[in-house]
C-alpha atoms as a PDB file:
ATOM      1  CA  LEU A   1      95.091 109.642 113.607  1.00  0.00           C
ATOM      2  CA  PHE A   2      95.704 110.999 110.560  1.00  0.00           C
ATOM      3  CA  THR A   3      96.113 114.001 108.752  1.00  0.00           C
ATOM      4  CA  PRO A   4      94.337 114.041 105.369  1.00  0.00           C
ATOM      5  CA  SER A   5      95.378 116.492 102.266  1.00  0.00           C
ATOM      6  CA  SER A   6      93.427 119.515 101.280  1.00  0.00           C
ATOM      7  CA  VAL A   7      92.361 118.233  98.371  1.00  0.00           C
ATOM      8  CA  SER A   8      89.537 115.754  97.201  1.00  0.00           C
ATOM      9  CA  ALA A   9      89.891 112.771  94.786  1.00  0.00           C
ATOM     10  CA  ALA A  10      87.059 114.307  92.656  1.00  0.00           C
ATOM     11  CA  GLY A  11      86.460 113.692  88.536  1.00  0.00           C
ATOM     12  CA  TYR A  12      83.941 112.504  86.190  1.00  0.00           C
ATOM     13  CA  GLY A  13      81.597 115.037  88.586  1.00  0.00           C
ATOM     14  CA  LEU A  14      82.080 113.243  91.416  1.00  0.00           C
ATOM     15  CA  SER A  15      84.642 113.743  94.435  1.00  0.00           C
ATOM     16  CA  VAL A  16      85.307 111.667  97.969  1.00  0.00           C
ATOM     17  CA  TYR A  17      87.144 113.539 101.158  1.00  0.00           C
ATOM     18  CA  PRO A  18      89.637 112.617 102.377  1.00  0.00           C
ATOM     19  CA  PRO A  19      91.786 111.013  99.256  1.00  0.00           C
ATOM     20  CA  LEU A  20      94.099 109.327 102.161  1.00  0.00           C
ATOM     21  CA  LEU A  21      93.421 107.793 104.840  1.00  0.00           C
ATOM     22  CA  ARG A  22      96.784 106.917 107.663  1.00  0.00           C
ATOM     23  CA  VAL A  23      95.756 105.146 110.134  1.00  0.00           C
ATOM     24  CA  HIS A  24      97.796 103.618 113.486  1.00  0.00           C
ATOM     25  CA  ILE A  25      95.203 101.152 115.627  1.00  0.00           C
ATOM     26  CA  LYS A  26      96.220  98.689 118.405  1.00  0.00           C
ATOM     27  CA  PRO A  27      94.931  95.135 117.960  1.00  0.00           C
ATOM     28  CA  GLY A  28      91.414  95.133 119.671  1.00  0.00           C
ATOM     29  CA  LYS A  29      90.784  98.609 119.057  1.00  0.00           C
ATOM     30  CA  SER A  30      87.929 100.437 116.805  1.00  0.00           C
ATOM     31  CA  ILE A  31      88.061 103.437 114.852  1.00  0.00           C
ATOM     32  CA  THR A  32      85.513 105.655 113.025  1.00  0.00           C
ATOM     33  CA  GLN A  33      85.779 107.752 110.100  1.00  0.00           C
ATOM     34  CA  VAL A  34      84.227 110.055 107.616  1.00  0.00           C
ATOM     35  CA  PHE A  35      84.219 109.967 104.064  1.00  0.00           C
ATOM     36  CA  LYS A  36      82.722 112.545 102.744  1.00  0.00           C
ATOM     37  CA  ILE A  37      81.091 112.101  99.191  1.00  0.00           C
ATOM     38  CA  ASP A  38      80.273 114.849  96.484  1.00  0.00           C
ATOM     39  CA  ASN A  39      77.650 114.693  93.254  1.00  0.00           C
ATOM     40  CA  LEU A  40      78.988 117.616  91.314  1.00  0.00           C
ATOM     41  CA  THR A  41      76.574 117.307  88.685  1.00  0.00           C
ATOM     42  CA  SER A  42      73.485 119.047  88.792  1.00  0.00           C
ATOM     43  CA  ASP A  43      71.870 115.139  87.949  1.00  0.00           C
ATOM     44  CA  ASP A  44      70.389 112.610  90.660  1.00  0.00           C
ATOM     45  CA  LYS A  45      73.113 109.645  90.311  1.00  0.00           C
ATOM     46  CA  PHE A  46      73.597 106.109  91.713  1.00  0.00           C
ATOM     47  CA  PHE A  47      76.625 105.427  93.450  1.00  0.00           C
ATOM     48  CA  VAL A  48      78.038 102.381  94.820  1.00  0.00           C
ATOM     49  CA  ALA A  49      80.984 102.059  97.686  1.00  0.00           C
ATOM     50  CA  ARG A  50      83.233  99.053  97.433  1.00  0.00           C
ATOM     51  CA  LEU A  51      86.674  98.708  99.316  1.00  0.00           C
ATOM     52  CA  ILE A  52      89.541  96.597  97.176  1.00  0.00           C
ATOM     53  CA  PRO A  53      92.308  95.293  98.978  1.00  0.00           C
ATOM     54  CA  PHE A  54      95.837  96.399  97.422  1.00  0.00           C
ATOM     55  CA  SER A  55      99.570  94.926  98.015  1.00  0.00           C
ATOM     56  CA  ASP A  56     101.290  97.006  95.307  1.00  0.00           C
ATOM     57  CA  SER A  57     101.897 100.814  93.712  1.00  0.00           C
ATOM     58  CA  ASP A  58     104.020 102.381  90.976  1.00  0.00           C
ATOM     59  CA  THR A  59     106.697 104.584  92.083  1.00  0.00           C
ATOM     60  CA  LEU A  60     104.212 107.807  91.492  1.00  0.00           C
ATOM     61  CA  GLY A  61     102.376 105.797  94.503  1.00  0.00           C
ATOM     62  CA  ASN A  62      99.395 104.903  92.632  1.00  0.00           C
ATOM     63  CA  PRO A  63      97.637 101.616  93.818  1.00  0.00           C
ATOM     64  CA  LYS A  64      97.637  98.482  91.344  1.00  0.00           C
ATOM     65  CA  ILE A  65      94.044  97.694  92.140  1.00  0.00           C
ATOM     66  CA  ASP A  66      92.670  94.527  91.140  1.00  0.00           C
ATOM     67  CA  LEU A  67      88.504  94.530  91.158  1.00  0.00           C
ATOM     68  CA  ARG A  68      88.634  91.471  91.849  1.00  0.00           C
ATOM     69  CA  ALA A  69      90.972  91.242  95.145  1.00  0.00           C
ATOM     70  CA  THR A  70      89.917  90.108  98.117  1.00  0.00           C
ATOM     71  CA  ALA A  71      91.584  89.377 101.723  1.00  0.00           C
ATOM     72  CA  PRO A  72      90.476  88.315 104.929  1.00  0.00           C
ATOM     73  CA  TRP A  73      91.098  91.708 107.160  1.00  0.00           C
ATOM     74  CA  LEU A  74      88.311  93.284 104.792  1.00  0.00           C
ATOM     75  CA  SER A  75      85.976  91.835 107.129  1.00  0.00           C
ATOM     76  CA  TYR A  76      87.645  94.562 109.993  1.00  0.00           C
ATOM     77  CA  PHE A  77      85.187  97.054 108.009  1.00  0.00           C
ATOM     78  CA  SER A  78      81.828  98.129 107.915  1.00  0.00           C
ATOM     79  CA  LEU A  79      79.550 100.984 107.168  1.00  0.00           C
ATOM     80  CA  ALA A  80      77.199 102.237 110.146  1.00  0.00           C
ATOM     81  CA  ASN A  81      75.070 104.097 107.774  1.00  0.00           C
ATOM     82  CA  SER A  82      71.440 102.996 108.241  1.00  0.00           C
ATOM     83  CA  ASN A  83      70.702 103.363 104.292  1.00  0.00           C
ATOM     84  CA  ILE A  84      74.442 102.045 102.547  1.00  0.00           C
ATOM     85  CA  LYS A  85      75.695  99.049 102.235  1.00  0.00           C
ATOM     86  CA  PHE A  86      79.114  97.936 100.778  1.00  0.00           C
ATOM     87  CA  GLY A  87      78.353  96.942  97.069  1.00  0.00           C
ATOM     88  CA  ASP A  88      74.802  98.041  96.877  1.00  0.00           C
ATOM     89  CA  PRO A  89      73.917 101.611  94.632  1.00  0.00           C
ATOM     90  CA  PHE A  90      73.084 104.538  96.987  1.00  0.00           C
ATOM     91  CA  LEU A  91      71.383 108.009  95.704  1.00  0.00           C
ATOM     92  CA  ILE A  92      72.837 111.389  95.818  1.00  0.00           C
ATOM     93  CA  LYS A  93      70.697 113.708  94.926  1.00  0.00           C
ATOM     94  CA  GLY A  94      72.286 116.699  92.496  1.00  0.00           C
ATOM     95  CA  GLY A  95      74.830 119.369  93.725  1.00  0.00           C
ATOM     96  CA  SER A  96      74.246 117.266  97.663  1.00  0.00           C
ATOM     97  CA  SER A  97      76.797 115.206  99.214  1.00  0.00           C
ATOM     98  CA  GLU A  98      76.713 111.860 101.608  1.00  0.00           C
ATOM     99  CA  GLN A  99      78.562 110.897 104.251  1.00  0.00           C
ATOM    100  CA  LEU A 100      80.236 107.475 104.061  1.00  0.00           C
ATOM    101  CA  ILE A 101      80.748 106.489 108.193  1.00  0.00           C
ATOM    102  CA  VAL A 102      83.448 103.444 107.771  1.00  0.00           C
ATOM    103  CA  ASN A 103      84.244 101.517 111.330  1.00  0.00           C
ATOM    104  CA  LEU A 104      87.321  99.795 111.629  1.00  0.00           C
ATOM    105  CA  SER A 105      87.751  97.382 114.110  1.00  0.00           C
ATOM    106  CA  ALA A 106      90.818  95.426 114.105  1.00  0.00           C
ATOM    107  CA  PRO A 107      90.790  91.731 116.498  1.00  0.00           C
ATOM    108  CA  GLU A 108      92.348  90.828 119.440  1.00  0.00           C
ATOM    109  CA  ASN A 109      94.490  88.388 117.472  1.00  0.00           C
ATOM    110  CA  ALA A 110      94.863  90.592 114.466  1.00  0.00           C
ATOM    111  CA  PRO A 111      98.219  90.215 112.928  1.00  0.00           C
ATOM    112  CA  VAL A 112     100.873  92.860 113.312  1.00  0.00           C
ATOM    113  CA  ARG A 113     101.295  94.215 110.082  1.00  0.00           C
ATOM    114  CA  ASP A 114      99.933  96.767 107.585  1.00  0.00           C
ATOM    115  CA  ILE A 115      96.705  96.613 105.381  1.00  0.00           C
ATOM    116  CA  TYR A 116      96.097  98.603 102.084  1.00  0.00           C
ATOM    117  CA  GLY A 117      92.861  99.108 100.778  1.00  0.00           C
ATOM    118  CA  SER A 118      90.971 101.729  98.572  1.00  0.00           C
ATOM    119  CA  LEU A 119      87.529 102.931  98.696  1.00  0.00           C
ATOM    120  CA  LEU A 120      86.159 102.485  95.966  1.00  0.00           C
ATOM    121  CA  ILE A 121      82.965 105.545  95.123  1.00  0.00           C
ATOM    122  CA  SER A 122      81.809 104.478  91.782  1.00  0.00           C
ATOM    123  CA  THR A 123      78.773 106.389  89.434  1.00  0.00           C
ATOM    124  CA  TYR A 124      76.107 104.107  87.837  1.00  0.00           C
ATOM    125  CA  ALA A 125      74.324 104.254  84.869  1.00  0.00           C
ATOM    126  CA  ASN A 126      70.581 102.688  86.063  1.00  0.00           C
ATOM    127  CA  ILE A 127      69.007 101.437  82.576  1.00  0.00           C
ATOM    128  CA  ASN A 128      66.312  99.301  83.767  1.00  0.00           C
ATOM    129  CA  GLY A 129      64.424 101.597  86.609  1.00  0.00           C
ATOM    130  CA  ILE A 130      64.916 101.000  90.163  1.00  0.00           C
ATOM    131  CA  ASP A 131      65.979  97.348  90.843  1.00  0.00           C
ATOM    132  CA  TYR A 132      69.335  98.107  89.033  1.00  0.00           C
ATOM    133  CA  GLN A 133      69.315  95.195  86.670  1.00  0.00           C
ATOM    134  CA  GLY A 134      72.235  95.917  83.962  1.00  0.00           C
ATOM    135  CA  SER A 135      73.674  99.061  85.663  1.00  0.00           C
ATOM    136  CA  LEU A 136      76.964 100.285  84.188  1.00  0.00           C
ATOM    137  CA  VAL A 137      79.706 101.699  86.062  1.00  0.00           C
ATOM    138  CA  SER A 138      80.364 105.169  84.116  1.00  0.00           C
ATOM    139  CA  ALA A 139      83.246 106.549  86.560  1.00  0.00           C
ATOM    140  CA  THR A 140      85.394 105.822  89.677  1.00  0.00           C
ATOM    141  CA  VAL A 141      86.994 108.075  92.220  1.00  0.00           C
ATOM    142  CA  GLY A 142      88.968 106.657  95.525  1.00  0.00           C
ATOM    143  CA  SER A 143      90.321 107.011  98.438  1.00  0.00           C
ATOM    144  CA  ASN A 144      93.340 105.064 100.087  1.00  0.00           C
ATOM    145  CA  LEU A 145      93.941 103.800 103.146  1.00  0.00           C
ATOM    146  CA  LEU A 146      96.926 103.077 104.893  1.00  0.00           C
ATOM    147  CA  ILE A 147      96.071 100.666 108.073  1.00  0.00           C
ATOM    148  CA  THR A 148      99.186 100.141 110.340  1.00  0.00           C
ATOM    149  CA  ILE A 149      98.165  97.648 112.980  1.00  0.00           C
ATOM    150  CA  SER A 150     100.888  97.773 115.894  1.00  0.00           C
ATOM    151  CA  GLN A 151     100.781  98.059 119.356  1.00  0.00           C
ATOM    152  CA  GLU A 152     103.924 100.031 119.417  1.00  0.00           C
ATOM    153  CA  ALA A 153     103.462 103.985 118.492  1.00  0.00           C
ATOM    154  CA  ASN A 154     106.150 103.627 115.359  1.00  0.00           C
ATOM    155  CA  PRO A 155     107.330 100.136 114.234  1.00  0.00           C
ATOM    156  CA  PRO A 156     110.292  99.048 112.504  1.00  0.00           C
ATOM    157  CA  THR A 157     110.909 100.701 109.208  1.00  0.00           C
ATOM    158  CA  LEU A 158     113.606  99.422 106.742  1.00  0.00           C
ATOM    159  CA  LEU A 159     113.793 102.107 104.038  1.00  0.00           C
ATOM    160  CA  ARG A 160     116.828 102.122 100.832  1.00  0.00           C
ATOM    161  CA  VAL A 161     117.405 104.864  98.627  1.00  0.00           C
ATOM    162  CA  GLU A 162     118.520 103.382  95.661  1.00  0.00           C
ATOM    163  CA  ASP A 163     118.708 104.570  91.747  1.00  0.00           C
ATOM    164  CA  ILE A 164     120.581 108.055  92.152  1.00  0.00           C
ATOM    165  CA  SER A 165     121.354 109.202  88.625  1.00  0.00           C
ATOM    166  CA  PRO A 166     121.596 112.769  86.403  1.00  0.00           C
ATOM    167  CA  GLU A 167     118.373 112.983  84.486  1.00  0.00           C
ATOM    168  CA  SER A 168     119.014 115.893  82.131  1.00  0.00           C
ATOM    169  CA  GLY A 169     122.850 117.826  81.744  1.00  0.00           C
ATOM    170  CA  SER A 170     125.649 117.166  79.441  1.00  0.00           C
ATOM    171  CA  VAL A 171     127.193 113.817  81.522  1.00  0.00           C
ATOM    172  CA  ILE A 172     129.082 110.932  80.928  1.00  0.00           C
ATOM    173  CA  LYS A 173     129.263 107.774  83.186  1.00  0.00           C
ATOM    174  CA  ILE A 174     132.892 106.104  83.295  1.00  0.00           C
ATOM    175  CA  GLY A 175     132.976 103.731  86.077  1.00  0.00           C
ATOM    176  CA  ASN A 176     131.758 105.038  88.836  1.00  0.00           C
ATOM    177  CA  TYR A 177     131.908 108.361  88.153  1.00  0.00           C
ATOM    178  CA  TYR A 178     129.512 110.725  86.446  1.00  0.00           C
ATOM    179  CA  ILE A 179     131.265 113.602  84.740  1.00  0.00           C
ATOM    180  CA  ALA A 180     129.062 116.623  84.217  1.00  0.00           C
ATOM    181  CA  ASP A 181     129.873 119.964  82.222  1.00  0.00           C
ATOM    182  CA  ASN A 182     130.159 122.622  84.809  1.00  0.00           C
ATOM    183  CA  ILE A 183     128.009 125.341  82.922  1.00  0.00           C
ATOM    184  CA  THR A 184     124.982 123.036  82.324  1.00  0.00           C
ATOM    185  CA  PRO A 185     121.978 122.525  84.776  1.00  0.00           C
ATOM    186  CA  LEU A 186     121.850 118.889  85.715  1.00  0.00           C
ATOM    187  CA  SER A 187     118.373 117.412  87.058  1.00  0.00           C
ATOM    188  CA  PHE A 188     119.009 113.847  89.268  1.00  0.00           C
ATOM    189  CA  ARG A 189     116.256 111.124  90.123  1.00  0.00           C
ATOM    190  CA  ALA A 190     116.455 108.618  93.056  1.00  0.00           C
ATOM    191  CA  ASN A 191     114.031 105.947  94.043  1.00  0.00           C
ATOM    192  CA  ALA A 192     113.061 105.131  97.592  1.00  0.00           C
ATOM    193  CA  LEU A 193     112.755 101.419  98.261  1.00  0.00           C
ATOM    194  CA  ASN A 194     111.137 100.062 101.624  1.00  0.00           C
ATOM    195  CA  LEU A 195     112.538  96.722 102.666  1.00  0.00           C
ATOM    196  CA  GLY A 196     110.249  97.012 106.037  1.00  0.00           C
ATOM    197  CA  ASP A 197     106.620  95.432 106.298  1.00  0.00           C
ATOM    198  CA  PHE A 198     105.201  99.092 107.671  1.00  0.00           C
ATOM    199  CA  THR A 199     104.516 102.030 105.786  1.00  0.00           C
ATOM    200  CA  ALA A 200     107.403 104.761 105.866  1.00  0.00           C
ATOM    201  CA  GLU A 201     107.263 108.357 105.432  1.00  0.00           C
ATOM    202  CA  THR A 202     110.193 110.283 103.216  1.00  0.00           C
ATOM    203  CA  LYS A 203     111.638 112.856 105.458  1.00  0.00           C
ATOM    204  CA  GLY A 204     115.138 114.405 104.738  1.00  0.00           C
ATOM    205  CA  ILE A 205     117.447 116.047 102.085  1.00  0.00           C
ATOM    206  CA  PHE A 206     119.499 116.196  98.694  1.00  0.00           C
ATOM    207  CA  LYS A 207     122.564 117.911  99.066  1.00  0.00           C
ATOM    208  CA  VAL A 208     125.991 118.350  96.948  1.00  0.00           C
ATOM    209  CA  THR A 209     129.178 118.778  98.716  1.00  0.00           C
ATOM    210  CA  GLY A 210     132.596 119.070  97.693  1.00  0.00           C
ATOM    211  CA  ARG A 211     136.000 118.225  99.133  1.00  0.00           C
ATOM    212  CA  SER A 212     135.188 119.826 102.460  1.00  0.00           C
ATOM    213  CA  ASP A 213     132.152 118.319 102.777  1.00  0.00           C
ATOM    214  CA  GLN A 214     130.650 121.275 103.245  1.00  0.00           C
ATOM    215  CA  PRO A 215     127.601 121.536 101.180  1.00  0.00           C
ATOM    216  CA  ILE A 216     126.719 123.319  98.017  1.00  0.00           C
ATOM    217  CA  HIS A 217     123.541 122.879  97.332  1.00  0.00           C
ATOM    218  CA  LEU A 218     121.180 121.550  99.271  1.00  0.00           C
ATOM    219  CA  GLU A 219     116.924 120.649  98.591  1.00  0.00           C
ATOM    220  CA  GLY A 220     114.398 119.083 100.832  1.00  0.00           C
ATOM    221  CA  ILE A 221     112.934 115.921 100.517  1.00  0.00           C
ATOM    222  CA  LEU A 222     109.159 116.023 100.015  1.00  0.00           C
ATOM    223  CA  PRO A 223     107.252 113.815 102.167  1.00  0.00           C
ATOM    224  CA  ILE A 224     105.475 110.962 100.866  1.00  0.00           C
ATOM    225  CA  ASN A 225     104.337 107.472 102.084  1.00  0.00           C
ATOM    226  CA  VAL A 226     106.014 104.527 100.625  1.00  0.00           C
ATOM    227  CA  ILE A 227     103.929 100.988 101.688  1.00  0.00           C
ATOM    228  CA  SER A 228     105.813  97.929 102.147  1.00  0.00           C
ATOM    229  CA  LYS A 229     107.640  96.044  99.679  1.00  0.00           C
ATOM    230  CA  THR A 230     107.101  99.232  97.259  1.00  0.00           C
ATOM    231  CA  LYS A 231     109.179 101.994  95.348  1.00  0.00           C
ATOM    232  CA  ARG A 232     109.006 105.348  94.919  1.00  0.00           C
ATOM    233  CA  ALA A 233     110.582 108.259  92.899  1.00  0.00           C
ATOM    234  CA  LEU A 234     112.033 110.550  95.693  1.00  0.00           C
ATOM    235  CA  LEU A 235     110.973 114.555  94.646  1.00  0.00           C
ATOM    236  CA  ASN A 236     111.925 117.596  96.037  1.00  0.00           C
ATOM    237  CA  SER A 237     109.577 119.448  98.612  1.00  0.00           C
ATOM    238  CA  GLU A 238     108.413 121.365  95.803  1.00  0.00           C
ATOM    239  CA  GLY A 239     106.890 118.064  93.743  1.00  0.00           C
ATOM    240  CA  GLY A 240     109.717 118.260  91.356  1.00  0.00           C
ATOM    241  CA  LYS A 241     113.132 116.763  90.682  1.00  0.00           C
ATOM    242  CA  PHE A 242     116.076 117.725  92.504  1.00  0.00           C
ATOM    243  CA  THR A 243     117.801 119.813  90.415  1.00  0.00           C
ATOM    244  CA  PHE A 244     121.562 121.992  90.403  1.00  0.00           C
ATOM    245  CA  THR A 245     123.132 123.996  88.772  1.00  0.00           C
ATOM    246  CA  PRO A 246     126.947 124.564  88.951  1.00  0.00           C
ATOM    247  CA  ASP A 247     128.918 127.759  88.083  1.00  0.00           C
ATOM    248  CA  LEU A 248     131.892 128.512  86.368  1.00  0.00           C
ATOM    249  CA  GLY A 249     134.381 128.331  89.273  1.00  0.00           C
ATOM    250  CA  ARG A 250     132.458 124.195  90.271  1.00  0.00           C
ATOM    251  CA  LEU A 251     135.556 122.115  89.125  1.00  0.00           C
ATOM    252  CA  GLY A 252     136.831 118.825  90.510  1.00  0.00           C
ATOM    253  CA  ILE A 253     134.787 115.704  92.729  1.00  0.00           C
ATOM    254  CA  TYR A 254     131.714 116.415  94.423  1.00  0.00           C
ATOM    255  CA  GLN A 255     129.304 113.777  95.899  1.00  0.00           C
ATOM    256  CA  VAL A 256     125.248 113.963  95.200  1.00  0.00           C
ATOM    257  CA  THR A 257     123.879 112.654  98.280  1.00  0.00           C
ATOM    258  CA  VAL A 258     120.420 111.944  99.267  1.00  0.00           C
ATOM    259  CA  SER A 259     119.150 111.587 103.120  1.00  0.00           C
ATOM    260  CA  ILE A 260     116.143 109.904 104.587  1.00  0.00           C
ATOM    261  CA  LYS A 261     114.845 109.634 108.108  1.00  0.00           C
ATOM    262  CA  THR A 262     112.073 107.941 109.853  1.00  0.00           C
ATOM    263  CA  ASP A 263     111.406 108.072 113.409  1.00  0.00           C
ATOM    264  CA  ASN A 264     113.367 105.147 113.995  1.00  0.00           C
ATOM    265  CA  ALA A 265     115.465 104.633 110.858  1.00  0.00           C
ATOM    266  CA  ASN A 266     117.859 106.142 108.726  1.00  0.00           C
ATOM    267  CA  ALA A 267     118.756 105.859 105.084  1.00  0.00           C
ATOM    268  CA  GLU A 268     121.479 107.589 102.573  1.00  0.00           C
ATOM    269  CA  ASN A 269     123.583 107.119  98.943  1.00  0.00           C
ATOM    270  CA  SER A 270     125.324 108.566  97.115  1.00  0.00           C
ATOM    271  CA  ILE A 271     127.241 109.195  93.468  1.00  0.00           C
ATOM    272  CA  ASN A 272     130.028 110.852  92.833  1.00  0.00           C
ATOM    273  CA  LEU A 273     130.374 113.817  90.622  1.00  0.00           C
ATOM    274  CA  ILE A 274     132.997 115.575  88.417  1.00  0.00           C
ATOM    275  CA  LEU A 275     132.642 118.501  87.171  1.00  0.00           C
ATOM    276  CA  PHE A 276     134.264 119.608  83.658  1.00  0.00           C
ATOM    277  CA  PRO A 277     134.520 122.714  81.759  1.00  0.00           C
ATOM    278  CA  PHE A 278     132.931 120.508  78.559  1.00  0.00           C
ATOM    279  CA  LYS A 279     131.469 123.565  76.626  1.00  0.00           C
ATOM    280  CA  ILE A 280     134.071 126.277  77.674  1.00  0.00           C
ATOM    281  CA  LEU A 281     136.862 123.615  76.564  1.00  0.00           C
ATOM    282  CA  ILE A 282     135.019 122.608  73.050  1.00  0.00           C
ATOM    283  CA  GLY A 283     134.377 126.762  72.199  1.00  0.00           C
ATOM    284  CA  LEU A 284     137.785 127.061  73.156  1.00  0.00           C
ATOM    285  CA  ILE A 285     138.733 124.717  70.649  1.00  0.00           C
ATOM    286  CA  PHE A 286     136.614 125.309  68.156  1.00  0.00           C
ATOM    287  CA  ALA A 287     137.578 129.465  68.474  1.00  0.00           C
ATOM    288  CA  THR A 288     141.710 128.544  68.051  1.00  0.00           C
ATOM    289  CA  ALA A 289     140.136 126.198  65.035  1.00  0.00           C
ATOM    290  CA  PHE A 290     138.619 129.552  63.420  1.00  0.00           C
ATOM    291  CA  LEU A 291     141.639 131.673  64.403  1.00  0.00           C
ATOM    292  CA  VAL A 292     143.741 129.719  62.534  1.00  0.00           C
ATOM    293  CA  THR A 293     141.908 129.285  59.774  1.00  0.00           C
ATOM    294  CA  ILE A 294     141.616 132.981  59.801  1.00  0.00           C
ATOM    295  CA  VAL A 295     145.297 133.454  60.166  1.00  0.00           C
ATOM    296  CA  ARG A 296     146.156 130.500  57.591  1.00  0.00           C
ATOM    297  CA  THR A 297     144.059 132.156  55.189  1.00  0.00           C
ATOM    298  CA  THR A 298     145.110 135.969  55.500  1.00  0.00           C
ATOM    299  CA  LYS A 299     148.953 134.774  55.012  1.00  0.00           C
ATOM    300  CA  TYR A 300     147.998 132.628  51.846  1.00  0.00           C
ATOM    301  CA  LYS A 301     146.706 135.998  50.765  1.00  0.00           C
ATOM    302  CA  VAL A 302     149.427 138.137  51.423  1.00  0.00           C
ATOM    303  CA  VAL A 303     151.904 135.446  49.836  1.00  0.00           C
ATOM    304  CA  ASP A 304     149.831 135.397  46.613  1.00  0.00           C
ATOM    305  CA  ILE A 305     149.800 139.049  46.711  1.00  0.00           C
ATOM    306  CA  ASP A 306     153.280 139.319  46.914  1.00  0.00           C
ATOM    307  CA  SER A 307     153.721 136.966  44.290  1.00  0.00           C
ATOM    308  CA  GLU A 308     151.643 139.421  42.068  1.00  0.00           C
ATOM    309  CA  THR A 309     153.901 142.369  42.844  1.00  0.00           C
ATOM    310  CA  GLN A 310     156.788 140.649  42.148  1.00  0.00           C
ATOM    311  CA  GLN A 311     155.960 139.574  38.951  1.00  0.00           C
END
């Protein structure tokens, strides 16, 4: 159903694994997922688990969470643990772990859509004894749940590539063209906008092509999840910015293209890039001006010497 990341969401002495759960479930079906919570400190601590819905995220994929948010589909979830309930504190001894057994049951009449939530695990500092009164949240980590409810294995997605532009380098923009120095490294940014109702994953390439449409530079795109109606910043396969370093022989018009493919849709966008030897030209101008100055200075000195000789 999903492929969890190899790292846990950890911090402040606790961690939860998996940090991301992406599930496809059909209406009328149920699944169970186990989450492991580690108390990384040497002290016994109280924790509380909450499931908070969200519908938006920033361009880095961090969900925008309102702890007061609620949603009808929260009733689809339950805990199978006999001694742990959502919203109630539970104890994990220092250096130990606990498992949360989360059940998801999608009703037969469940709307076909995506639902997004964060399983938040918070540490509590109990200051008034075992009745938990006066508890204070001191730290929170979470696991993001991206749930697709659909009869189709690959529900329709609608991605758009936009905001392609150079972020660094010697660049000026004139109309629809970006003019850049041909020996200065360039970095580019681009975003993927999900206009559909289901999460889409970005798989594709960043490329620079010349007049013959032959690629002179290729980079893979890091696969990331773009939830419905949100925008994500695209990164190269190593998790960094797209970069292109021209060489001295690269002059003229080139095209910078970002192409994304999903299981049932494609998206592509491009910009025009003109490579021009700004730095070389400026260097030649300064060198010429310097030589002219030297020649003139030398000429004046020769004239002065001749004048003194004649006198």
